[in-house]
Amino acid sequence: MDVWGRESSKDGMTETIVDVEMAHALVNEAQRGSRPAVDRLVRQHEGWVRGVIYGVTGRRDLVDDVAQQVWTQVWQRLGSLNDPRRLRAWLYTVARNAAIDASQDRRRKRALGLESVAERIGDVQTAGPVRLALGDELHETLLRAVEALPALYREPFVLRHLEDWSYAEIGELLNLSVETVETRLVRARRLLRETLNGKVEP
């Protein structure tokens, strides 16, 4: 189970040559308009795409809507992907841009007074070993602390600790060196310890 309470797939994380060829064929099918092929792409990549959205926005209540927008864009724009081997990087760009747009739109609405300042943080059902280890209350406390992290640190933290990505995989998508990823994760953990002040050890 992933942090969103669904079965997560790590397809593509440590791909063999056969995996790459299968992914290439799947993308080609999807580009030819195969809805089942697109649905398979969604199932394979939905978990980490949602992690990217959460990492950028820091808002669980935005994840569902933004994810829906992302997959709509994928369906409409997949034909523009010239190299299927770049699928993950392309998906990351689509998801990150959609998340940034959603955050900016929300800030504009708040500035116009169209949303309550005391808006309730959305309730996304989560599961998995993190929640089981901490319990609901402490898990919620941790997620709220993660949401308060600056996006610079929150994004790699979510990919590493909630989506279980390696430093190399995070660096590849964020265009960062492994050393920079490690530095940002160290800083994220330090900020969390300061915020949690002994309530939870991140």
N, C-alpha and C. Protein backbone atom coordinates (compact mmCIF):
# COMPACT_ATOMS: atom_id res chain seq x y z
N MET A 1 0.84 -1.20 0.00
CA MET A 1 0.00 0.00 0.00
C MET A 1 0.88 1.25 0.00
N ASP A 2 0.44 2.28 -0.72
CA ASP A 2 1.15 3.54 -0.66
C ASP A 2 0.52 4.44 0.38
N VAL A 3 1.06 5.66 0.52
CA VAL A 3 0.56 6.55 1.56
C VAL A 3 -0.87 6.99 1.32
N TRP A 4 -1.35 6.83 0.08
CA TRP A 4 -2.71 7.23 -0.23
C TRP A 4 -3.70 6.09 -0.01
N GLY A 5 -3.22 4.93 0.44
CA GLY A 5 -4.12 3.84 0.77
C GLY A 5 -4.45 2.95 -0.42
N ARG A 6 -3.67 3.06 -1.52
CA ARG A 6 -3.91 2.21 -2.67
C ARG A 6 -2.69 1.34 -2.92
N GLU A 7 -2.91 0.29 -3.70
CA GLU A 7 -1.77 -0.52 -4.09
C GLU A 7 -0.88 0.32 -4.98
N SER A 8 0.42 0.36 -4.66
CA SER A 8 1.33 1.15 -5.47
C SER A 8 2.21 0.25 -6.30
N SER A 9 2.62 0.75 -7.47
CA SER A 9 3.47 -0.02 -8.35
C SER A 9 4.82 0.64 -8.47
N LYS A 10 5.87 -0.14 -8.45
CA LYS A 10 7.20 0.39 -8.61
C LYS A 10 7.72 0.09 -10.02
N ASP A 11 6.79 -0.20 -10.97
CA ASP A 11 7.21 -0.44 -12.34
C ASP A 11 8.01 0.75 -12.82
N GLY A 12 9.16 0.48 -13.45
CA GLY A 12 9.97 1.55 -13.99
C GLY A 12 11.05 2.02 -13.05
N MET A 13 11.00 1.60 -11.77
CA MET A 13 11.99 2.08 -10.82
C MET A 13 13.33 1.38 -11.04
N THR A 14 13.30 0.08 -11.30
CA THR A 14 14.52 -0.66 -11.59
C THR A 14 14.25 -1.51 -12.82
N GLU A 15 14.07 -0.84 -13.94
CA GLU A 15 13.62 -1.52 -15.14
C GLU A 15 14.72 -2.35 -15.79
N THR A 16 14.36 -3.54 -16.24
CA THR A 16 15.24 -4.34 -17.07
C THR A 16 15.00 -3.94 -18.52
N ILE A 17 15.80 -4.47 -19.40
CA ILE A 17 15.62 -4.17 -20.82
C ILE A 17 14.23 -4.57 -21.28
N VAL A 18 13.74 -5.72 -20.80
CA VAL A 18 12.40 -6.17 -21.17
C VAL A 18 11.35 -5.19 -20.67
N ASP A 19 11.52 -4.71 -19.44
CA ASP A 19 10.58 -3.73 -18.89
C ASP A 19 10.53 -2.48 -19.75
N VAL A 20 11.71 -2.01 -20.19
CA VAL A 20 11.78 -0.80 -21.01
C VAL A 20 11.05 -1.01 -22.33
N GLU A 21 11.25 -2.18 -22.93
CA GLU A 21 10.58 -2.48 -24.20
C GLU A 21 9.07 -2.55 -24.02
N MET A 22 8.63 -3.15 -22.92
CA MET A 22 7.20 -3.24 -22.64
C MET A 22 6.60 -1.86 -22.41
N ALA A 23 7.34 -1.01 -21.66
CA ALA A 23 6.87 0.35 -21.41
C ALA A 23 6.80 1.13 -22.71
N HIS A 24 7.79 0.95 -23.58
CA HIS A 24 7.82 1.61 -24.88
C HIS A 24 6.58 1.23 -25.69
N ALA A 25 6.28 -0.07 -25.72
CA ALA A 25 5.12 -0.56 -26.47
C ALA A 25 3.82 -0.01 -25.88
N LEU A 26 3.75 0.05 -24.57
CA LEU A 26 2.55 0.55 -23.90
C LEU A 26 2.30 2.02 -24.25
N VAL A 27 3.36 2.82 -24.22
CA VAL A 27 3.23 4.23 -24.58
C VAL A 27 2.79 4.37 -26.02
N ASN A 28 3.37 3.57 -26.90
CA ASN A 28 2.99 3.63 -28.32
C ASN A 28 1.50 3.30 -28.50
N GLU A 29 1.03 2.30 -27.76
CA GLU A 29 -0.40 1.95 -27.84
C GLU A 29 -1.26 3.11 -27.37
N ALA A 30 -0.85 3.71 -26.27
CA ALA A 30 -1.60 4.83 -25.72
C ALA A 30 -1.62 6.01 -26.68
N GLN A 31 -0.51 6.25 -27.34
CA GLN A 31 -0.42 7.36 -28.29
C GLN A 31 -1.31 7.11 -29.51
N ARG A 32 -1.58 5.85 -29.79
CA ARG A 32 -2.48 5.53 -30.91
C ARG A 32 -3.95 5.59 -30.50
N GLY A 33 -4.19 5.98 -29.25
CA GLY A 33 -5.57 6.19 -28.80
C GLY A 33 -6.18 5.05 -28.02
N SER A 34 -5.34 4.10 -27.56
CA SER A 34 -5.85 2.97 -26.78
C SER A 34 -6.15 3.41 -25.36
N ARG A 35 -7.43 3.44 -25.00
CA ARG A 35 -7.80 3.81 -23.64
C ARG A 35 -7.31 2.80 -22.62
N PRO A 36 -7.39 1.47 -22.90
CA PRO A 36 -6.84 0.50 -21.93
C PRO A 36 -5.36 0.73 -21.66
N ALA A 37 -4.61 1.12 -22.69
CA ALA A 37 -3.18 1.37 -22.51
C ALA A 37 -2.97 2.58 -21.59
N VAL A 38 -3.78 3.63 -21.80
CA VAL A 38 -3.69 4.80 -20.93
C VAL A 38 -4.05 4.43 -19.49
N ASP A 39 -5.08 3.61 -19.34
CA ASP A 39 -5.49 3.18 -18.00
C ASP A 39 -4.36 2.42 -17.31
N ARG A 40 -3.63 1.61 -18.06
CA ARG A 40 -2.49 0.89 -17.48
C ARG A 40 -1.39 1.85 -17.05
N LEU A 41 -1.14 2.88 -17.88
CA LEU A 41 -0.15 3.88 -17.51
C LEU A 41 -0.54 4.58 -16.21
N VAL A 42 -1.83 4.88 -16.08
CA VAL A 42 -2.32 5.53 -14.87
C VAL A 42 -2.06 4.63 -13.66
N ARG A 43 -2.43 3.36 -13.77
CA ARG A 43 -2.25 2.43 -12.65
C ARG A 43 -0.78 2.30 -12.26
N GLN A 44 0.11 2.29 -13.24
CA GLN A 44 1.53 2.10 -12.98
C GLN A 44 2.17 3.32 -12.31
N HIS A 45 1.68 4.51 -12.64
CA HIS A 45 2.37 5.72 -12.22
C HIS A 45 1.57 6.61 -11.28
N GLU A 46 0.33 6.25 -10.98
CA GLU A 46 -0.53 7.13 -10.20
C GLU A 46 0.04 7.43 -8.81
N GLY A 47 0.60 6.42 -8.15
CA GLY A 47 1.08 6.60 -6.78
C GLY A 47 2.12 7.70 -6.67
N TRP A 48 3.17 7.61 -7.48
CA TRP A 48 4.24 8.61 -7.36
C TRP A 48 3.82 9.96 -7.94
N VAL A 49 2.94 9.97 -8.95
CA VAL A 49 2.44 11.24 -9.47
C VAL A 49 1.69 12.00 -8.37
N ARG A 50 0.88 11.27 -7.60
CA ARG A 50 0.17 11.89 -6.48
C ARG A 50 1.17 12.39 -5.43
N GLY A 51 2.26 11.64 -5.25
CA GLY A 51 3.30 12.07 -4.34
C GLY A 51 3.94 13.38 -4.78
N VAL A 52 4.16 13.53 -6.08
CA VAL A 52 4.72 14.77 -6.62
C VAL A 52 3.76 15.94 -6.35
N ILE A 53 2.49 15.72 -6.61
CA ILE A 53 1.49 16.77 -6.39
C ILE A 53 1.48 17.20 -4.93
N TYR A 54 1.48 16.23 -4.05
CA TYR A 54 1.49 16.54 -2.62
C TYR A 54 2.77 17.24 -2.21
N GLY A 55 3.89 16.77 -2.78
CA GLY A 55 5.17 17.38 -2.46
C GLY A 55 5.24 18.83 -2.88
N VAL A 56 4.64 19.18 -4.01
CA VAL A 56 4.67 20.55 -4.50
C VAL A 56 3.67 21.44 -3.75
N THR A 57 2.45 20.94 -3.57
CA THR A 57 1.40 21.78 -2.99
C THR A 57 1.40 21.76 -1.46
N GLY A 58 1.81 20.63 -0.88
CA GLY A 58 1.71 20.49 0.57
C GLY A 58 0.27 20.43 1.05
N ARG A 59 -0.65 20.12 0.15
CA ARG A 59 -2.08 20.11 0.49
C ARG A 59 -2.70 18.80 0.04
N ARG A 60 -3.08 17.98 1.02
CA ARG A 60 -3.72 16.70 0.68
C ARG A 60 -5.08 16.91 0.02
N ASP A 61 -5.76 18.01 0.38
CA ASP A 61 -7.10 18.24 -0.16
C ASP A 61 -7.06 18.66 -1.63
N LEU A 62 -5.89 18.96 -2.16
CA LEU A 62 -5.78 19.32 -3.58
C LEU A 62 -5.38 18.14 -4.46
N VAL A 63 -4.89 17.08 -3.84
CA VAL A 63 -4.27 15.99 -4.61
C VAL A 63 -5.24 15.35 -5.61
N ASP A 64 -6.46 15.01 -5.16
CA ASP A 64 -7.41 14.33 -6.05
C ASP A 64 -7.73 15.16 -7.29
N ASP A 65 -8.06 16.43 -7.08
CA ASP A 65 -8.44 17.29 -8.21
C ASP A 65 -7.28 17.52 -9.16
N VAL A 66 -6.09 17.77 -8.62
CA VAL A 66 -4.94 18.00 -9.48
C VAL A 66 -4.56 16.74 -10.24
N ALA A 67 -4.64 15.59 -9.56
CA ALA A 67 -4.32 14.32 -10.23
C ALA A 67 -5.27 14.08 -11.41
N GLN A 68 -6.53 14.40 -11.22
CA GLN A 68 -7.50 14.24 -12.31
C GLN A 68 -7.12 15.15 -13.48
N GLN A 69 -6.70 16.38 -13.17
CA GLN A 69 -6.27 17.30 -14.22
C GLN A 69 -5.04 16.76 -14.95
N VAL A 70 -4.11 16.19 -14.18
CA VAL A 70 -2.89 15.65 -14.77
C VAL A 70 -3.21 14.56 -15.78
N TRP A 71 -4.05 13.61 -15.38
CA TRP A 71 -4.33 12.49 -16.28
C TRP A 71 -5.17 12.91 -17.48
N THR A 72 -5.98 13.96 -17.31
CA THR A 72 -6.68 14.52 -18.47
C THR A 72 -5.68 15.10 -19.45
N GLN A 73 -4.70 15.83 -18.92
CA GLN A 73 -3.67 16.40 -19.79
C GLN A 73 -2.84 15.31 -20.46
N VAL A 74 -2.55 14.25 -19.72
CA VAL A 74 -1.79 13.15 -20.30
C VAL A 74 -2.54 12.56 -21.50
N TRP A 75 -3.83 12.33 -21.33
CA TRP A 75 -4.66 11.78 -22.41
C TRP A 75 -4.65 12.70 -23.63
N GLN A 76 -4.67 14.01 -23.38
CA GLN A 76 -4.74 14.97 -24.47
C GLN A 76 -3.38 15.22 -25.13
N ARG A 77 -2.31 15.10 -24.36
CA ARG A 77 -1.00 15.54 -24.85
C ARG A 77 0.02 14.43 -25.01
N LEU A 78 -0.37 13.19 -24.78
CA LEU A 78 0.60 12.09 -24.84
C LEU A 78 1.25 11.99 -26.21
N GLY A 79 0.52 12.39 -27.24
CA GLY A 79 1.08 12.34 -28.59
C GLY A 79 2.30 13.22 -28.77
N SER A 80 2.48 14.20 -27.89
CA SER A 80 3.63 15.10 -28.01
C SER A 80 4.90 14.49 -27.43
N LEU A 81 4.77 13.34 -26.75
CA LEU A 81 5.95 12.67 -26.18
C LEU A 81 6.66 11.91 -27.30
N ASN A 82 7.79 12.43 -27.76
CA ASN A 82 8.50 11.82 -28.88
C ASN A 82 9.32 10.61 -28.48
N ASP A 83 9.83 10.60 -27.27
CA ASP A 83 10.67 9.50 -26.80
C ASP A 83 10.00 8.82 -25.60
N PRO A 84 9.37 7.66 -25.80
CA PRO A 84 8.69 6.97 -24.69
C PRO A 84 9.59 6.69 -23.50
N ARG A 85 10.92 6.64 -23.72
CA ARG A 85 11.84 6.40 -22.61
C ARG A 85 11.85 7.59 -21.64
N ARG A 86 11.34 8.73 -22.09
CA ARG A 86 11.28 9.92 -21.24
C ARG A 86 9.93 10.06 -20.55
N LEU A 87 9.14 8.99 -20.54
CA LEU A 87 7.79 9.08 -19.99
C LEU A 87 7.79 9.59 -18.56
N ARG A 88 8.63 9.02 -17.71
CA ARG A 88 8.60 9.43 -16.30
C ARG A 88 8.95 10.89 -16.12
N ALA A 89 9.97 11.36 -16.83
CA ALA A 89 10.36 12.76 -16.74
C ALA A 89 9.25 13.66 -17.28
N TRP A 90 8.60 13.21 -18.35
CA TRP A 90 7.50 13.98 -18.94
C TRP A 90 6.31 14.04 -17.99
N LEU A 91 5.96 12.91 -17.38
CA LEU A 91 4.87 12.87 -16.41
C LEU A 91 5.18 13.76 -15.21
N TYR A 92 6.42 13.72 -14.78
CA TYR A 92 6.82 14.56 -13.65
C TYR A 92 6.60 16.04 -13.97
N THR A 93 6.99 16.45 -15.17
CA THR A 93 6.82 17.85 -15.58
C THR A 93 5.35 18.24 -15.62
N VAL A 94 4.52 17.37 -16.19
CA VAL A 94 3.08 17.65 -16.27
C VAL A 94 2.49 17.77 -14.85
N ALA A 95 2.84 16.82 -13.99
CA ALA A 95 2.29 16.81 -12.62
C ALA A 95 2.78 18.02 -11.82
N ARG A 96 4.04 18.33 -11.94
CA ARG A 96 4.60 19.45 -11.17
C ARG A 96 3.99 20.78 -11.63
N ASN A 97 3.88 20.97 -12.94
CA ASN A 97 3.29 22.21 -13.46
C ASN A 97 1.83 22.36 -13.03
N ALA A 98 1.08 21.24 -13.08
CA ALA A 98 -0.33 21.29 -12.66
C ALA A 98 -0.44 21.63 -11.18
N ALA A 99 0.47 21.07 -10.38
CA ALA A 99 0.45 21.33 -8.94
C ALA A 99 0.80 22.79 -8.65
N ILE A 100 1.78 23.32 -9.36
CA ILE A 100 2.16 24.73 -9.19
C ILE A 100 1.00 25.64 -9.58
N ASP A 101 0.35 25.33 -10.70
CA ASP A 101 -0.81 26.13 -11.15
C ASP A 101 -1.91 26.10 -10.10
N ALA A 102 -2.17 24.92 -9.54
CA ALA A 102 -3.23 24.79 -8.53
C ALA A 102 -2.90 25.61 -7.29
N SER A 103 -1.63 25.59 -6.87
CA SER A 103 -1.22 26.35 -5.70
C SER A 103 -1.36 27.84 -5.95
N GLN A 104 -0.96 28.28 -7.14
CA GLN A 104 -1.05 29.71 -7.47
C GLN A 104 -2.50 30.15 -7.56
N ASP A 105 -3.34 29.30 -8.14
CA ASP A 105 -4.76 29.63 -8.25
C ASP A 105 -5.40 29.74 -6.87
N ARG A 106 -5.02 28.82 -5.98
CA ARG A 106 -5.57 28.86 -4.62
C ARG A 106 -5.13 30.12 -3.90
N ARG A 107 -3.86 30.51 -4.07
CA ARG A 107 -3.38 31.73 -3.42
C ARG A 107 -4.12 32.96 -3.95
N ARG A 108 -4.40 32.98 -5.26
CA ARG A 108 -5.14 34.11 -5.83
C ARG A 108 -6.54 34.20 -5.23
N LYS A 109 -7.20 33.04 -5.10
CA LYS A 109 -8.55 33.02 -4.55
C LYS A 109 -8.55 33.47 -3.09
N ARG A 110 -7.56 33.01 -2.35
CA ARG A 110 -7.49 33.42 -0.94
C ARG A 110 -7.28 34.92 -0.84
N ALA A 111 -6.45 35.47 -1.74
CA ALA A 111 -6.18 36.91 -1.70
C ALA A 111 -7.44 37.72 -1.99
N LEU A 112 -8.35 37.15 -2.77
CA LEU A 112 -9.60 37.82 -3.10
C LEU A 112 -10.68 37.55 -2.06
N GLY A 113 -10.34 36.79 -1.04
CA GLY A 113 -11.30 36.52 0.03
C GLY A 113 -12.36 35.51 -0.35
N LEU A 114 -12.08 34.65 -1.36
CA LEU A 114 -13.08 33.70 -1.81
C LEU A 114 -13.02 32.39 -1.04
N GLU A 115 -11.98 32.24 -0.22
CA GLU A 115 -11.87 31.03 0.59
C GLU A 115 -11.64 31.42 2.04
N SER A 116 -12.10 30.61 2.94
CA SER A 116 -11.93 30.89 4.36
C SER A 116 -10.47 30.77 4.75
N VAL A 117 -10.01 31.71 5.55
CA VAL A 117 -8.63 31.65 6.04
C VAL A 117 -8.42 30.41 6.89
N ALA A 118 -9.49 30.00 7.57
CA ALA A 118 -9.40 28.83 8.45
C ALA A 118 -9.88 27.57 7.75
N GLU A 119 -9.64 27.48 6.45
CA GLU A 119 -10.11 26.32 5.67
C GLU A 119 -9.58 25.02 6.27
N ARG A 120 -10.45 24.05 6.38
CA ARG A 120 -10.08 22.76 6.98
C ARG A 120 -9.16 21.99 6.04
N ILE A 121 -8.11 21.41 6.60
CA ILE A 121 -7.24 20.54 5.82
C ILE A 121 -8.02 19.29 5.44
N GLY A 122 -7.99 18.94 4.13
CA GLY A 122 -8.77 17.80 3.65
C GLY A 122 -8.35 16.50 4.30
N ASP A 123 -9.32 15.60 4.38
CA ASP A 123 -9.07 14.31 5.02
C ASP A 123 -8.84 13.26 3.96
N VAL A 124 -7.58 12.94 3.69
CA VAL A 124 -7.23 11.89 2.74
C VAL A 124 -6.91 10.64 3.53
N GLN A 125 -7.63 9.57 3.27
CA GLN A 125 -7.38 8.32 3.99
C GLN A 125 -6.02 7.78 3.61
N THR A 126 -5.19 7.51 4.60
CA THR A 126 -3.86 6.99 4.35
C THR A 126 -3.70 5.66 5.05
N ALA A 127 -2.71 4.91 4.57
CA ALA A 127 -2.47 3.60 5.14
C ALA A 127 -1.00 3.27 4.98
N GLY A 128 -0.64 2.05 5.32
CA GLY A 128 0.72 1.62 5.12
C GLY A 128 1.51 1.58 6.41
N PRO A 129 2.79 1.16 6.32
CA PRO A 129 3.60 0.95 7.51
C PRO A 129 3.82 2.21 8.33
N VAL A 130 3.91 3.38 7.68
CA VAL A 130 4.12 4.61 8.44
C VAL A 130 2.96 4.84 9.38
N ARG A 131 1.75 4.73 8.85
CA ARG A 131 0.57 4.97 9.68
C ARG A 131 0.43 3.90 10.75
N LEU A 132 0.69 2.65 10.39
CA LEU A 132 0.55 1.58 11.36
C LEU A 132 1.54 1.76 12.51
N ALA A 133 2.73 2.24 12.19
CA ALA A 133 3.75 2.41 13.21
C ALA A 133 3.45 3.58 14.14
N LEU A 134 2.90 4.63 13.58
CA LEU A 134 2.70 5.84 14.36
C LEU A 134 1.33 5.94 15.00
N GLY A 135 0.34 5.31 14.39
CA GLY A 135 -1.02 5.50 14.84
C GLY A 135 -1.62 6.71 14.15
N ASP A 136 -2.95 6.76 14.11
CA ASP A 136 -3.63 7.81 13.35
C ASP A 136 -3.25 9.22 13.81
N GLU A 137 -3.25 9.43 15.11
CA GLU A 137 -3.03 10.79 15.60
C GLU A 137 -1.62 11.28 15.31
N LEU A 138 -0.63 10.44 15.59
CA LEU A 138 0.74 10.84 15.33
C LEU A 138 1.02 10.94 13.84
N HIS A 139 0.39 10.06 13.07
CA HIS A 139 0.55 10.11 11.61
C HIS A 139 0.02 11.42 11.07
N GLU A 140 -1.13 11.85 11.58
CA GLU A 140 -1.71 13.13 11.16
C GLU A 140 -0.80 14.29 11.57
N THR A 141 -0.22 14.21 12.76
CA THR A 141 0.70 15.24 13.21
C THR A 141 1.91 15.33 12.29
N LEU A 142 2.44 14.18 11.89
CA LEU A 142 3.59 14.15 11.00
C LEU A 142 3.24 14.75 9.64
N LEU A 143 2.08 14.36 9.09
CA LEU A 143 1.70 14.88 7.77
C LEU A 143 1.49 16.39 7.80
N ARG A 144 0.93 16.89 8.88
CA ARG A 144 0.76 18.34 9.00
C ARG A 144 2.12 19.04 9.04
N ALA A 145 3.08 18.41 9.72
CA ALA A 145 4.42 18.99 9.78
C ALA A 145 5.08 18.95 8.40
N VAL A 146 4.85 17.86 7.66
CA VAL A 146 5.40 17.77 6.31
C VAL A 146 4.80 18.86 5.43
N GLU A 147 3.49 19.10 5.57
CA GLU A 147 2.83 20.13 4.78
C GLU A 147 3.41 21.51 5.04
N ALA A 148 3.94 21.71 6.25
CA ALA A 148 4.49 23.02 6.62
C ALA A 148 5.91 23.22 6.11
N LEU A 149 6.53 22.17 5.60
CA LEU A 149 7.89 22.31 5.06
C LEU A 149 7.88 23.19 3.82
N PRO A 150 8.94 23.98 3.59
CA PRO A 150 9.07 24.68 2.31
C PRO A 150 9.11 23.67 1.17
N ALA A 151 8.53 24.01 0.03
CA ALA A 151 8.46 23.07 -1.10
C ALA A 151 9.83 22.54 -1.50
N LEU A 152 10.86 23.37 -1.31
CA LEU A 152 12.22 22.98 -1.65
C LEU A 152 12.62 21.69 -0.95
N TYR A 153 12.16 21.53 0.29
CA TYR A 153 12.49 20.34 1.07
C TYR A 153 11.37 19.32 1.07
N ARG A 154 10.12 19.80 0.97
CA ARG A 154 8.97 18.89 1.05
C ARG A 154 8.94 17.92 -0.13
N GLU A 155 9.24 18.41 -1.33
CA GLU A 155 9.13 17.56 -2.51
C GLU A 155 10.06 16.34 -2.43
N PRO A 156 11.36 16.52 -2.20
CA PRO A 156 12.21 15.32 -2.08
C PRO A 156 11.86 14.47 -0.86
N PHE A 157 11.41 15.09 0.24
CA PHE A 157 11.04 14.33 1.42
C PHE A 157 9.88 13.38 1.13
N VAL A 158 8.86 13.89 0.45
CA VAL A 158 7.70 13.06 0.12
C VAL A 158 8.11 11.91 -0.78
N LEU A 159 8.91 12.20 -1.81
CA LEU A 159 9.32 11.13 -2.73
C LEU A 159 10.16 10.07 -2.01
N ARG A 160 10.99 10.52 -1.07
CA ARG A 160 11.86 9.57 -0.38
C ARG A 160 11.12 8.77 0.68
N HIS A 161 10.40 9.45 1.55
CA HIS A 161 9.87 8.79 2.75
C HIS A 161 8.42 8.34 2.62
N LEU A 162 7.66 8.92 1.71
CA LEU A 162 6.28 8.47 1.52
C LEU A 162 6.12 7.64 0.25
N GLU A 163 7.01 7.82 -0.73
CA GLU A 163 6.94 7.04 -1.97
C GLU A 163 8.09 6.06 -2.12
N ASP A 164 9.09 6.12 -1.21
CA ASP A 164 10.20 5.16 -1.15
C ASP A 164 11.10 5.21 -2.39
N TRP A 165 11.32 6.41 -2.93
CA TRP A 165 12.24 6.57 -4.06
C TRP A 165 13.67 6.61 -3.53
N SER A 166 14.61 6.20 -4.38
CA SER A 166 16.03 6.30 -4.02
C SER A 166 16.51 7.72 -4.26
N TYR A 167 17.67 8.05 -3.67
CA TYR A 167 18.25 9.38 -3.88
C TYR A 167 18.51 9.62 -5.37
N ALA A 168 19.00 8.60 -6.06
CA ALA A 168 19.31 8.74 -7.49
C ALA A 168 18.06 9.03 -8.30
N GLU A 169 16.98 8.34 -7.99
CA GLU A 169 15.72 8.55 -8.72
C GLU A 169 15.16 9.94 -8.47
N ILE A 170 15.26 10.40 -7.23
CA ILE A 170 14.81 11.75 -6.91
C ILE A 170 15.66 12.78 -7.65
N GLY A 171 16.97 12.58 -7.61
CA GLY A 171 17.87 13.50 -8.29
C GLY A 171 17.62 13.57 -9.78
N GLU A 172 17.33 12.41 -10.38
CA GLU A 172 17.07 12.38 -11.82
C GLU A 172 15.85 13.21 -12.19
N LEU A 173 14.78 13.07 -11.42
CA LEU A 173 13.55 13.81 -11.73
C LEU A 173 13.65 15.28 -11.37
N LEU A 174 14.32 15.61 -10.27
CA LEU A 174 14.41 17.00 -9.85
C LEU A 174 15.62 17.72 -10.45
N ASN A 175 16.38 16.97 -11.25
CA ASN A 175 17.59 17.53 -11.88
C ASN A 175 18.57 18.05 -10.83
N LEU A 176 18.79 17.20 -9.82
CA LEU A 176 19.70 17.54 -8.73
C LEU A 176 20.74 16.43 -8.59
N SER A 177 21.89 16.79 -8.05
CA SER A 177 22.87 15.76 -7.73
C SER A 177 22.40 14.97 -6.51
N VAL A 178 22.92 13.76 -6.38
CA VAL A 178 22.58 12.93 -5.23
C VAL A 178 22.96 13.66 -3.93
N GLU A 179 24.10 14.36 -3.97
CA GLU A 179 24.55 15.08 -2.78
C GLU A 179 23.56 16.18 -2.39
N THR A 180 23.01 16.87 -3.40
CA THR A 180 22.04 17.93 -3.12
C THR A 180 20.76 17.35 -2.55
N VAL A 181 20.33 16.22 -3.12
CA VAL A 181 19.15 15.53 -2.60
C VAL A 181 19.36 15.17 -1.14
N GLU A 182 20.52 14.60 -0.84
CA GLU A 182 20.82 14.20 0.54
C GLU A 182 20.82 15.41 1.47
N THR A 183 21.40 16.52 1.01
CA THR A 183 21.45 17.73 1.83
C THR A 183 20.05 18.25 2.12
N ARG A 184 19.18 18.24 1.11
CA ARG A 184 17.82 18.75 1.31
C ARG A 184 17.01 17.83 2.23
N LEU A 185 17.27 16.53 2.13
CA LEU A 185 16.57 15.61 3.01
C LEU A 185 17.02 15.78 4.46
N VAL A 186 18.32 15.98 4.65
CA VAL A 186 18.84 16.23 6.00
C VAL A 186 18.19 17.48 6.58
N ARG A 187 18.11 18.53 5.76
CA ARG A 187 17.50 19.78 6.21
C ARG A 187 16.02 19.58 6.50
N ALA A 188 15.33 18.81 5.67
CA ALA A 188 13.90 18.55 5.88
C ALA A 188 13.68 17.83 7.20
N ARG A 189 14.51 16.83 7.48
CA ARG A 189 14.36 16.09 8.73
C ARG A 189 14.64 16.99 9.93
N ARG A 190 15.63 17.88 9.80
CA ARG A 190 15.95 18.79 10.90
C ARG A 190 14.77 19.73 11.17
N LEU A 191 14.18 20.26 10.10
CA LEU A 191 13.03 21.14 10.26
C LEU A 191 11.86 20.41 10.90
N LEU A 192 11.66 19.15 10.50
CA LEU A 192 10.58 18.36 11.08
C LEU A 192 10.81 18.12 12.57
N ARG A 193 12.05 17.80 12.94
CA ARG A 193 12.34 17.58 14.35
C ARG A 193 12.06 18.85 15.17
N GLU A 194 12.42 19.99 14.59
CA GLU A 194 12.17 21.25 15.28
C GLU A 194 10.67 21.52 15.41
N THR A 195 9.93 21.22 14.35
CA THR A 195 8.48 21.46 14.37
C THR A 195 7.77 20.51 15.32
N LEU A 196 8.16 19.24 15.27
CA LEU A 196 7.48 18.24 16.08
C LEU A 196 7.90 18.29 17.54
N ASN A 197 9.10 18.79 17.76
CA ASN A 197 9.58 19.03 19.13
C ASN A 197 9.37 17.81 20.04
N GLY A 198 9.82 16.65 19.55
CA GLY A 198 9.76 15.45 20.37
C GLY A 198 8.48 14.66 20.29
N LYS A 199 7.45 15.17 19.56
CA LYS A 199 6.18 14.43 19.48
C LYS A 199 6.33 13.19 18.61
N VAL A 200 7.04 13.34 17.49
CA VAL A 200 7.28 12.23 16.57
C VAL A 200 8.70 12.34 16.08
N GLU A 201 9.36 11.22 15.98
CA GLU A 201 10.70 11.22 15.41
C GLU A 201 10.60 10.93 13.93
N PRO A 202 10.86 11.90 13.02
CA PRO A 202 10.68 11.68 11.58
C PRO A 202 11.69 10.70 11.01
